[in-house]
Amino acid sequence: MKMNRQRHANNENPLSPQTLKVIAFDCDGVLFDSKEANIQFYNHVLERFARNPVRPEQHEYIHMHTVHESLLFLLGAGDDLQKALTYCQTLDFQIFHDLLECEPGLTQLLAFAKKSYHVALATNRMVTARDILAHFQLEQYFDLVVSA
C-alpha cells in the first residue's frame, strides 16, 4: 500500500498496461447489439400470454433491465408474471441468437486483449451467455464468464 500511495503522490497513473491484469466486458450493448433480439424475446413471451407486443416507448426499459424487472414492467405483478418467469426457464434462447449483431471490430479487439490480459464477461443474462459466445465462436477469448 505504501508504494501505491507514493505513486499517487508522484502523480503516476496507477493504471497502466503493466498494472492492468483483466479486461471485463458486458454482453448487451458492449459485445453485441442485442436490442432487436430483446424486443423479439419479450414479444414472444407477451404473445404466449395473449398480450400486445412491446411498444416503442418500452424498448429502452426492457433493454436496460433484467428479465424479471422487464417482465414485471410489461406484465405487472401477479399470476402472469410468475408463469412468464417459469416459461422463460424452459425457453430455448437460441431462436433469438441470429438477431444479435456483434459490435464492429469485436473479434479483433478480443484477440488483441487476449494476448496480454485475462478477459472476462460479466453479464446479467441468465443461462444464455456461454451459448451466445459459442454461437459466435468467441468462447476461446474468455477466461471467465459470470452471469446472473
C-alpha atoms as a PDB file:
ATOM      1  CA  MET A   1       0.000   0.000   0.000  1.00  0.00           C
ATOM      2  CA  LYS A   2       2.834   2.384   0.795  1.00  0.00           C
ATOM      3  CA  MET A   3       4.177   2.129  -2.759  1.00  0.00           C
ATOM      4  CA  ASN A   4       0.703   2.841  -4.208  1.00  0.00           C
ATOM      5  CA  ARG A   5       0.378   5.980  -2.087  1.00  0.00           C
ATOM      6  CA  GLN A   6       3.823   7.087  -3.188  1.00  0.00           C
ATOM      7  CA  ARG A   7       2.849   6.636  -6.875  1.00  0.00           C
ATOM      8  CA  HIS A   8      -0.241   8.759  -6.361  1.00  0.00           C
ATOM      9  CA  ALA A   9       1.819  11.375  -4.586  1.00  0.00           C
ATOM     10  CA  ASN A  10       4.211  11.446  -7.531  1.00  0.00           C
ATOM     11  CA  ASN A  11       1.227  11.822  -9.907  1.00  0.00           C
ATOM     12  CA  GLU A  12       1.979   8.463 -11.513  1.00  0.00           C
ATOM     13  CA  ASN A  13      -1.018   6.798 -13.060  1.00  0.00           C
ATOM     14  CA  PRO A  14      -1.753   3.568 -11.154  1.00  0.00           C
ATOM     15  CA  LEU A  15      -3.440   2.220 -14.287  1.00  0.00           C
ATOM     16  CA  SER A  16      -1.040   1.261 -16.992  1.00  0.00           C
ATOM     17  CA  PRO A  17      -0.593  -1.632 -19.408  1.00  0.00           C
ATOM     18  CA  GLN A  18       1.842  -3.081 -16.868  1.00  0.00           C
ATOM     19  CA  THR A  19      -0.580  -2.948 -13.899  1.00  0.00           C
ATOM     20  CA  LEU A  20      -3.742  -3.901 -15.765  1.00  0.00           C
ATOM     21  CA  LYS A  21      -4.415  -7.639 -15.425  1.00  0.00           C
ATOM     22  CA  VAL A  22      -8.039  -8.200 -16.517  1.00  0.00           C
ATOM     23  CA  ILE A  23     -10.363  -6.651 -19.049  1.00  0.00           C
ATOM     24  CA  ALA A  24     -14.027  -7.330 -18.296  1.00  0.00           C
ATOM     25  CA  PHE A  25     -16.829  -6.864 -20.800  1.00  0.00           C
ATOM     26  CA  ASP A  26     -20.597  -6.787 -20.563  1.00  0.00           C
ATOM     27  CA  CYS A  27     -22.637  -8.612 -23.163  1.00  0.00           C
ATOM     28  CA  ASP A  28     -25.573  -6.487 -24.287  1.00  0.00           C
ATOM     29  CA  GLY A  29     -24.640  -3.154 -25.780  1.00  0.00           C
ATOM     30  CA  VAL A  30     -20.909  -3.880 -25.444  1.00  0.00           C
ATOM     31  CA  LEU A  31     -20.125  -7.125 -27.261  1.00  0.00           C
ATOM     32  CA  PHE A  32     -23.434  -7.273 -29.106  1.00  0.00           C
ATOM     33  CA  ASP A  33     -26.181  -5.035 -30.329  1.00  0.00           C
ATOM     34  CA  SER A  34     -28.994  -7.034 -28.757  1.00  0.00           C
ATOM     35  CA  LYS A  35     -31.843  -4.557 -28.814  1.00  0.00           C
ATOM     36  CA  GLU A  36     -33.817  -6.301 -31.587  1.00  0.00           C
ATOM     37  CA  ALA A  37     -33.237  -9.719 -30.014  1.00  0.00           C
ATOM     38  CA  ASN A  38     -34.536  -8.397 -26.685  1.00  0.00           C
ATOM     39  CA  ILE A  39     -37.614  -6.896 -28.293  1.00  0.00           C
ATOM     40  CA  GLN A  40     -38.399 -10.136 -30.108  1.00  0.00           C
ATOM     41  CA  PHE A  41     -37.797 -12.193 -26.959  1.00  0.00           C
ATOM     42  CA  TYR A  42     -40.284 -10.118 -24.960  1.00  0.00           C
ATOM     43  CA  ASN A  43     -42.756 -10.087 -27.849  1.00  0.00           C
ATOM     44  CA  HIS A  44     -42.537 -13.882 -27.903  1.00  0.00           C
ATOM     45  CA  VAL A  45     -43.309 -14.075 -24.173  1.00  0.00           C
ATOM     46  CA  LEU A  46     -46.085 -11.489 -24.405  1.00  0.00           C
ATOM     47  CA  GLU A  47     -47.700 -13.349 -27.292  1.00  0.00           C
ATOM     48  CA  ARG A  48     -47.662 -16.551 -25.242  1.00  0.00           C
ATOM     49  CA  PHE A  49     -49.719 -14.738 -22.603  1.00  0.00           C
ATOM     50  CA  ALA A  50     -52.065 -13.096 -25.120  1.00  0.00           C
ATOM     51  CA  ARG A  51     -50.628  -9.631 -24.530  1.00  0.00           C
ATOM     52  CA  ASN A  52     -49.862  -6.868 -27.000  1.00  0.00           C
ATOM     53  CA  PRO A  53     -46.290  -6.561 -28.342  1.00  0.00           C
ATOM     54  CA  VAL A  54     -43.730  -4.302 -26.723  1.00  0.00           C
ATOM     55  CA  ARG A  55     -44.414  -0.653 -27.553  1.00  0.00           C
ATOM     56  CA  PRO A  56     -41.585   1.567 -28.866  1.00  0.00           C
ATOM     57  CA  GLU A  57     -41.567   3.642 -25.670  1.00  0.00           C
ATOM     58  CA  GLN A  58     -40.864   0.425 -23.692  1.00  0.00           C
ATOM     59  CA  HIS A  59     -37.826  -0.604 -25.738  1.00  0.00           C
ATOM     60  CA  GLU A  60     -35.211   1.231 -23.669  1.00  0.00           C
ATOM     61  CA  TYR A  61     -36.513  -0.108 -20.363  1.00  0.00           C
ATOM     62  CA  ILE A  62     -36.510  -3.756 -21.401  1.00  0.00           C
ATOM     63  CA  HIS A  63     -33.076  -3.357 -22.939  1.00  0.00           C
ATOM     64  CA  MET A  64     -31.560  -1.966 -19.738  1.00  0.00           C
ATOM     65  CA  HIS A  65     -33.171  -4.176 -17.088  1.00  0.00           C
ATOM     66  CA  THR A  66     -33.150  -7.806 -16.010  1.00  0.00           C
ATOM     67  CA  VAL A  67     -35.684 -10.315 -17.299  1.00  0.00           C
ATOM     68  CA  HIS A  68     -37.548 -10.223 -14.004  1.00  0.00           C
ATOM     69  CA  GLU A  69     -37.659  -6.421 -13.898  1.00  0.00           C
ATOM     70  CA  SER A  70     -38.704  -6.207 -17.547  1.00  0.00           C
ATOM     71  CA  LEU A  71     -41.456  -8.794 -17.247  1.00  0.00           C
ATOM     72  CA  LEU A  72     -42.759  -7.065 -14.127  1.00  0.00           C
ATOM     73  CA  PHE A  73     -42.748  -3.809 -16.106  1.00  0.00           C
ATOM     74  CA  LEU A  74     -44.577  -5.407 -19.048  1.00  0.00           C
ATOM     75  CA  LEU A  75     -46.985  -7.738 -17.244  1.00  0.00           C
ATOM     76  CA  GLY A  76     -47.381  -6.230 -13.807  1.00  0.00           C
ATOM     77  CA  ALA A  77     -47.322  -8.229 -10.590  1.00  0.00           C
ATOM     78  CA  GLY A  78     -49.443 -11.326 -10.455  1.00  0.00           C
ATOM     79  CA  ASP A  79     -50.001 -14.770 -11.824  1.00  0.00           C
ATOM     80  CA  ASP A  80     -48.917 -13.992 -15.401  1.00  0.00           C
ATOM     81  CA  LEU A  81     -45.578 -12.698 -14.144  1.00  0.00           C
ATOM     82  CA  GLN A  82     -44.826 -15.928 -12.304  1.00  0.00           C
ATOM     83  CA  LYS A  83     -45.986 -18.034 -15.248  1.00  0.00           C
ATOM     84  CA  ALA A  84     -43.866 -15.971 -17.647  1.00  0.00           C
ATOM     85  CA  LEU A  85     -40.765 -16.349 -15.470  1.00  0.00           C
ATOM     86  CA  THR A  86     -41.339 -20.100 -15.341  1.00  0.00           C
ATOM     87  CA  TYR A  87     -41.870 -20.192 -19.111  1.00  0.00           C
ATOM     88  CA  CYS A  88     -38.594 -18.327 -19.675  1.00  0.00           C
ATOM     89  CA  GLN A  89     -36.730 -21.070 -17.795  1.00  0.00           C
ATOM     90  CA  THR A  90     -37.922 -23.593 -20.399  1.00  0.00           C
ATOM     91  CA  LEU A  91     -37.339 -21.419 -23.456  1.00  0.00           C
ATOM     92  CA  ASP A  92     -34.587 -22.210 -25.952  1.00  0.00           C
ATOM     93  CA  PHE A  93     -32.978 -18.801 -26.361  1.00  0.00           C
ATOM     94  CA  GLN A  94     -31.063 -19.941 -29.438  1.00  0.00           C
ATOM     95  CA  ILE A  95     -34.049 -18.897 -31.559  1.00  0.00           C
ATOM     96  CA  PHE A  96     -33.027 -15.293 -30.841  1.00  0.00           C
ATOM     97  CA  HIS A  97     -29.252 -15.604 -31.421  1.00  0.00           C
ATOM     98  CA  ASP A  98     -29.447 -14.690 -35.100  1.00  0.00           C
ATOM     99  CA  LEU A  99     -30.992 -11.361 -34.096  1.00  0.00           C
ATOM    100  CA  LEU A 100     -27.845 -10.417 -32.176  1.00  0.00           C
ATOM    101  CA  GLU A 101     -25.178  -8.437 -34.003  1.00  0.00           C
ATOM    102  CA  CYS A 102     -21.530  -8.424 -32.985  1.00  0.00           C
ATOM    103  CA  GLU A 103     -20.269  -4.915 -32.466  1.00  0.00           C
ATOM    104  CA  PRO A 104     -17.852  -3.841 -35.232  1.00  0.00           C
ATOM    105  CA  GLY A 105     -14.274  -4.953 -34.609  1.00  0.00           C
ATOM    106  CA  LEU A 106     -15.252  -7.257 -31.741  1.00  0.00           C
ATOM    107  CA  THR A 107     -13.198 -10.280 -32.749  1.00  0.00           C
ATOM    108  CA  GLN A 108     -10.115  -8.158 -33.410  1.00  0.00           C
ATOM    109  CA  LEU A 109     -10.472  -6.390 -30.044  1.00  0.00           C
ATOM    110  CA  LEU A 110     -10.880  -9.654 -28.137  1.00  0.00           C
ATOM    111  CA  ALA A 111      -7.903 -11.235 -29.927  1.00  0.00           C
ATOM    112  CA  PHE A 112      -5.785  -8.182 -29.102  1.00  0.00           C
ATOM    113  CA  ALA A 113      -6.885  -8.160 -25.446  1.00  0.00           C
ATOM    114  CA  LYS A 114      -6.331 -11.898 -25.022  1.00  0.00           C
ATOM    115  CA  LYS A 115      -2.651 -11.551 -25.984  1.00  0.00           C
ATOM    116  CA  SER A 116      -1.822  -9.504 -22.884  1.00  0.00           C
ATOM    117  CA  TYR A 117      -4.665  -9.772 -20.378  1.00  0.00           C
ATOM    118  CA  HIS A 118      -7.149 -12.092 -18.786  1.00  0.00           C
ATOM    119  CA  VAL A 119     -10.517 -11.470 -20.436  1.00  0.00           C
ATOM    120  CA  ALA A 120     -13.822 -11.803 -18.588  1.00  0.00           C
ATOM    121  CA  LEU A 121     -17.515 -11.451 -19.361  1.00  0.00           C
ATOM    122  CA  ALA A 122     -19.820 -10.195 -16.603  1.00  0.00           C
ATOM    123  CA  THR A 123     -23.482 -10.003 -17.566  1.00  0.00           C
ATOM    124  CA  ASN A 124     -26.938 -10.038 -16.037  1.00  0.00           C
ATOM    125  CA  ARG A 125     -28.018 -12.505 -18.700  1.00  0.00           C
ATOM    126  CA  MET A 126     -29.200 -15.720 -17.154  1.00  0.00           C
ATOM    127  CA  VAL A 127     -28.118 -19.004 -18.736  1.00  0.00           C
ATOM    128  CA  THR A 128     -27.514 -17.744 -22.259  1.00  0.00           C
ATOM    129  CA  ALA A 129     -24.096 -16.058 -22.026  1.00  0.00           C
ATOM    130  CA  ARG A 130     -21.985 -19.126 -22.843  1.00  0.00           C
ATOM    131  CA  ASP A 131     -24.424 -20.196 -25.584  1.00  0.00           C
ATOM    132  CA  ILE A 132     -24.088 -16.812 -27.272  1.00  0.00           C
ATOM    133  CA  LEU A 133     -20.296 -16.931 -27.092  1.00  0.00           C
ATOM    134  CA  ALA A 134     -20.355 -20.403 -28.652  1.00  0.00           C
ATOM    135  CA  HIS A 135     -22.835 -19.311 -31.343  1.00  0.00           C
ATOM    136  CA  PHE A 136     -20.469 -16.527 -32.415  1.00  0.00           C
ATOM    137  CA  GLN A 137     -17.339 -18.662 -31.839  1.00  0.00           C
ATOM    138  CA  LEU A 138     -15.997 -16.272 -29.212  1.00  0.00           C
ATOM    139  CA  GLU A 139     -15.629 -18.574 -26.201  1.00  0.00           C
ATOM    140  CA  GLN A 140     -11.873 -19.034 -26.722  1.00  0.00           C
ATOM    141  CA  TYR A 141     -11.295 -15.360 -25.920  1.00  0.00           C
ATOM    142  CA  PHE A 142     -12.744 -15.529 -22.387  1.00  0.00           C
ATOM    143  CA  ASP A 143     -11.020 -16.791 -19.268  1.00  0.00           C
ATOM    144  CA  LEU A 144     -14.074 -16.230 -17.049  1.00  0.00           C
ATOM    145  CA  VAL A 145     -17.799 -15.845 -17.676  1.00  0.00           C
ATOM    146  CA  VAL A 146     -20.056 -14.640 -14.867  1.00  0.00           C
ATOM    147  CA  SER A 147     -23.805 -14.419 -15.424  1.00  0.00           C
ATOM    148  CA  ALA A 148     -26.900 -13.859 -13.302  1.00  0.00           C
END
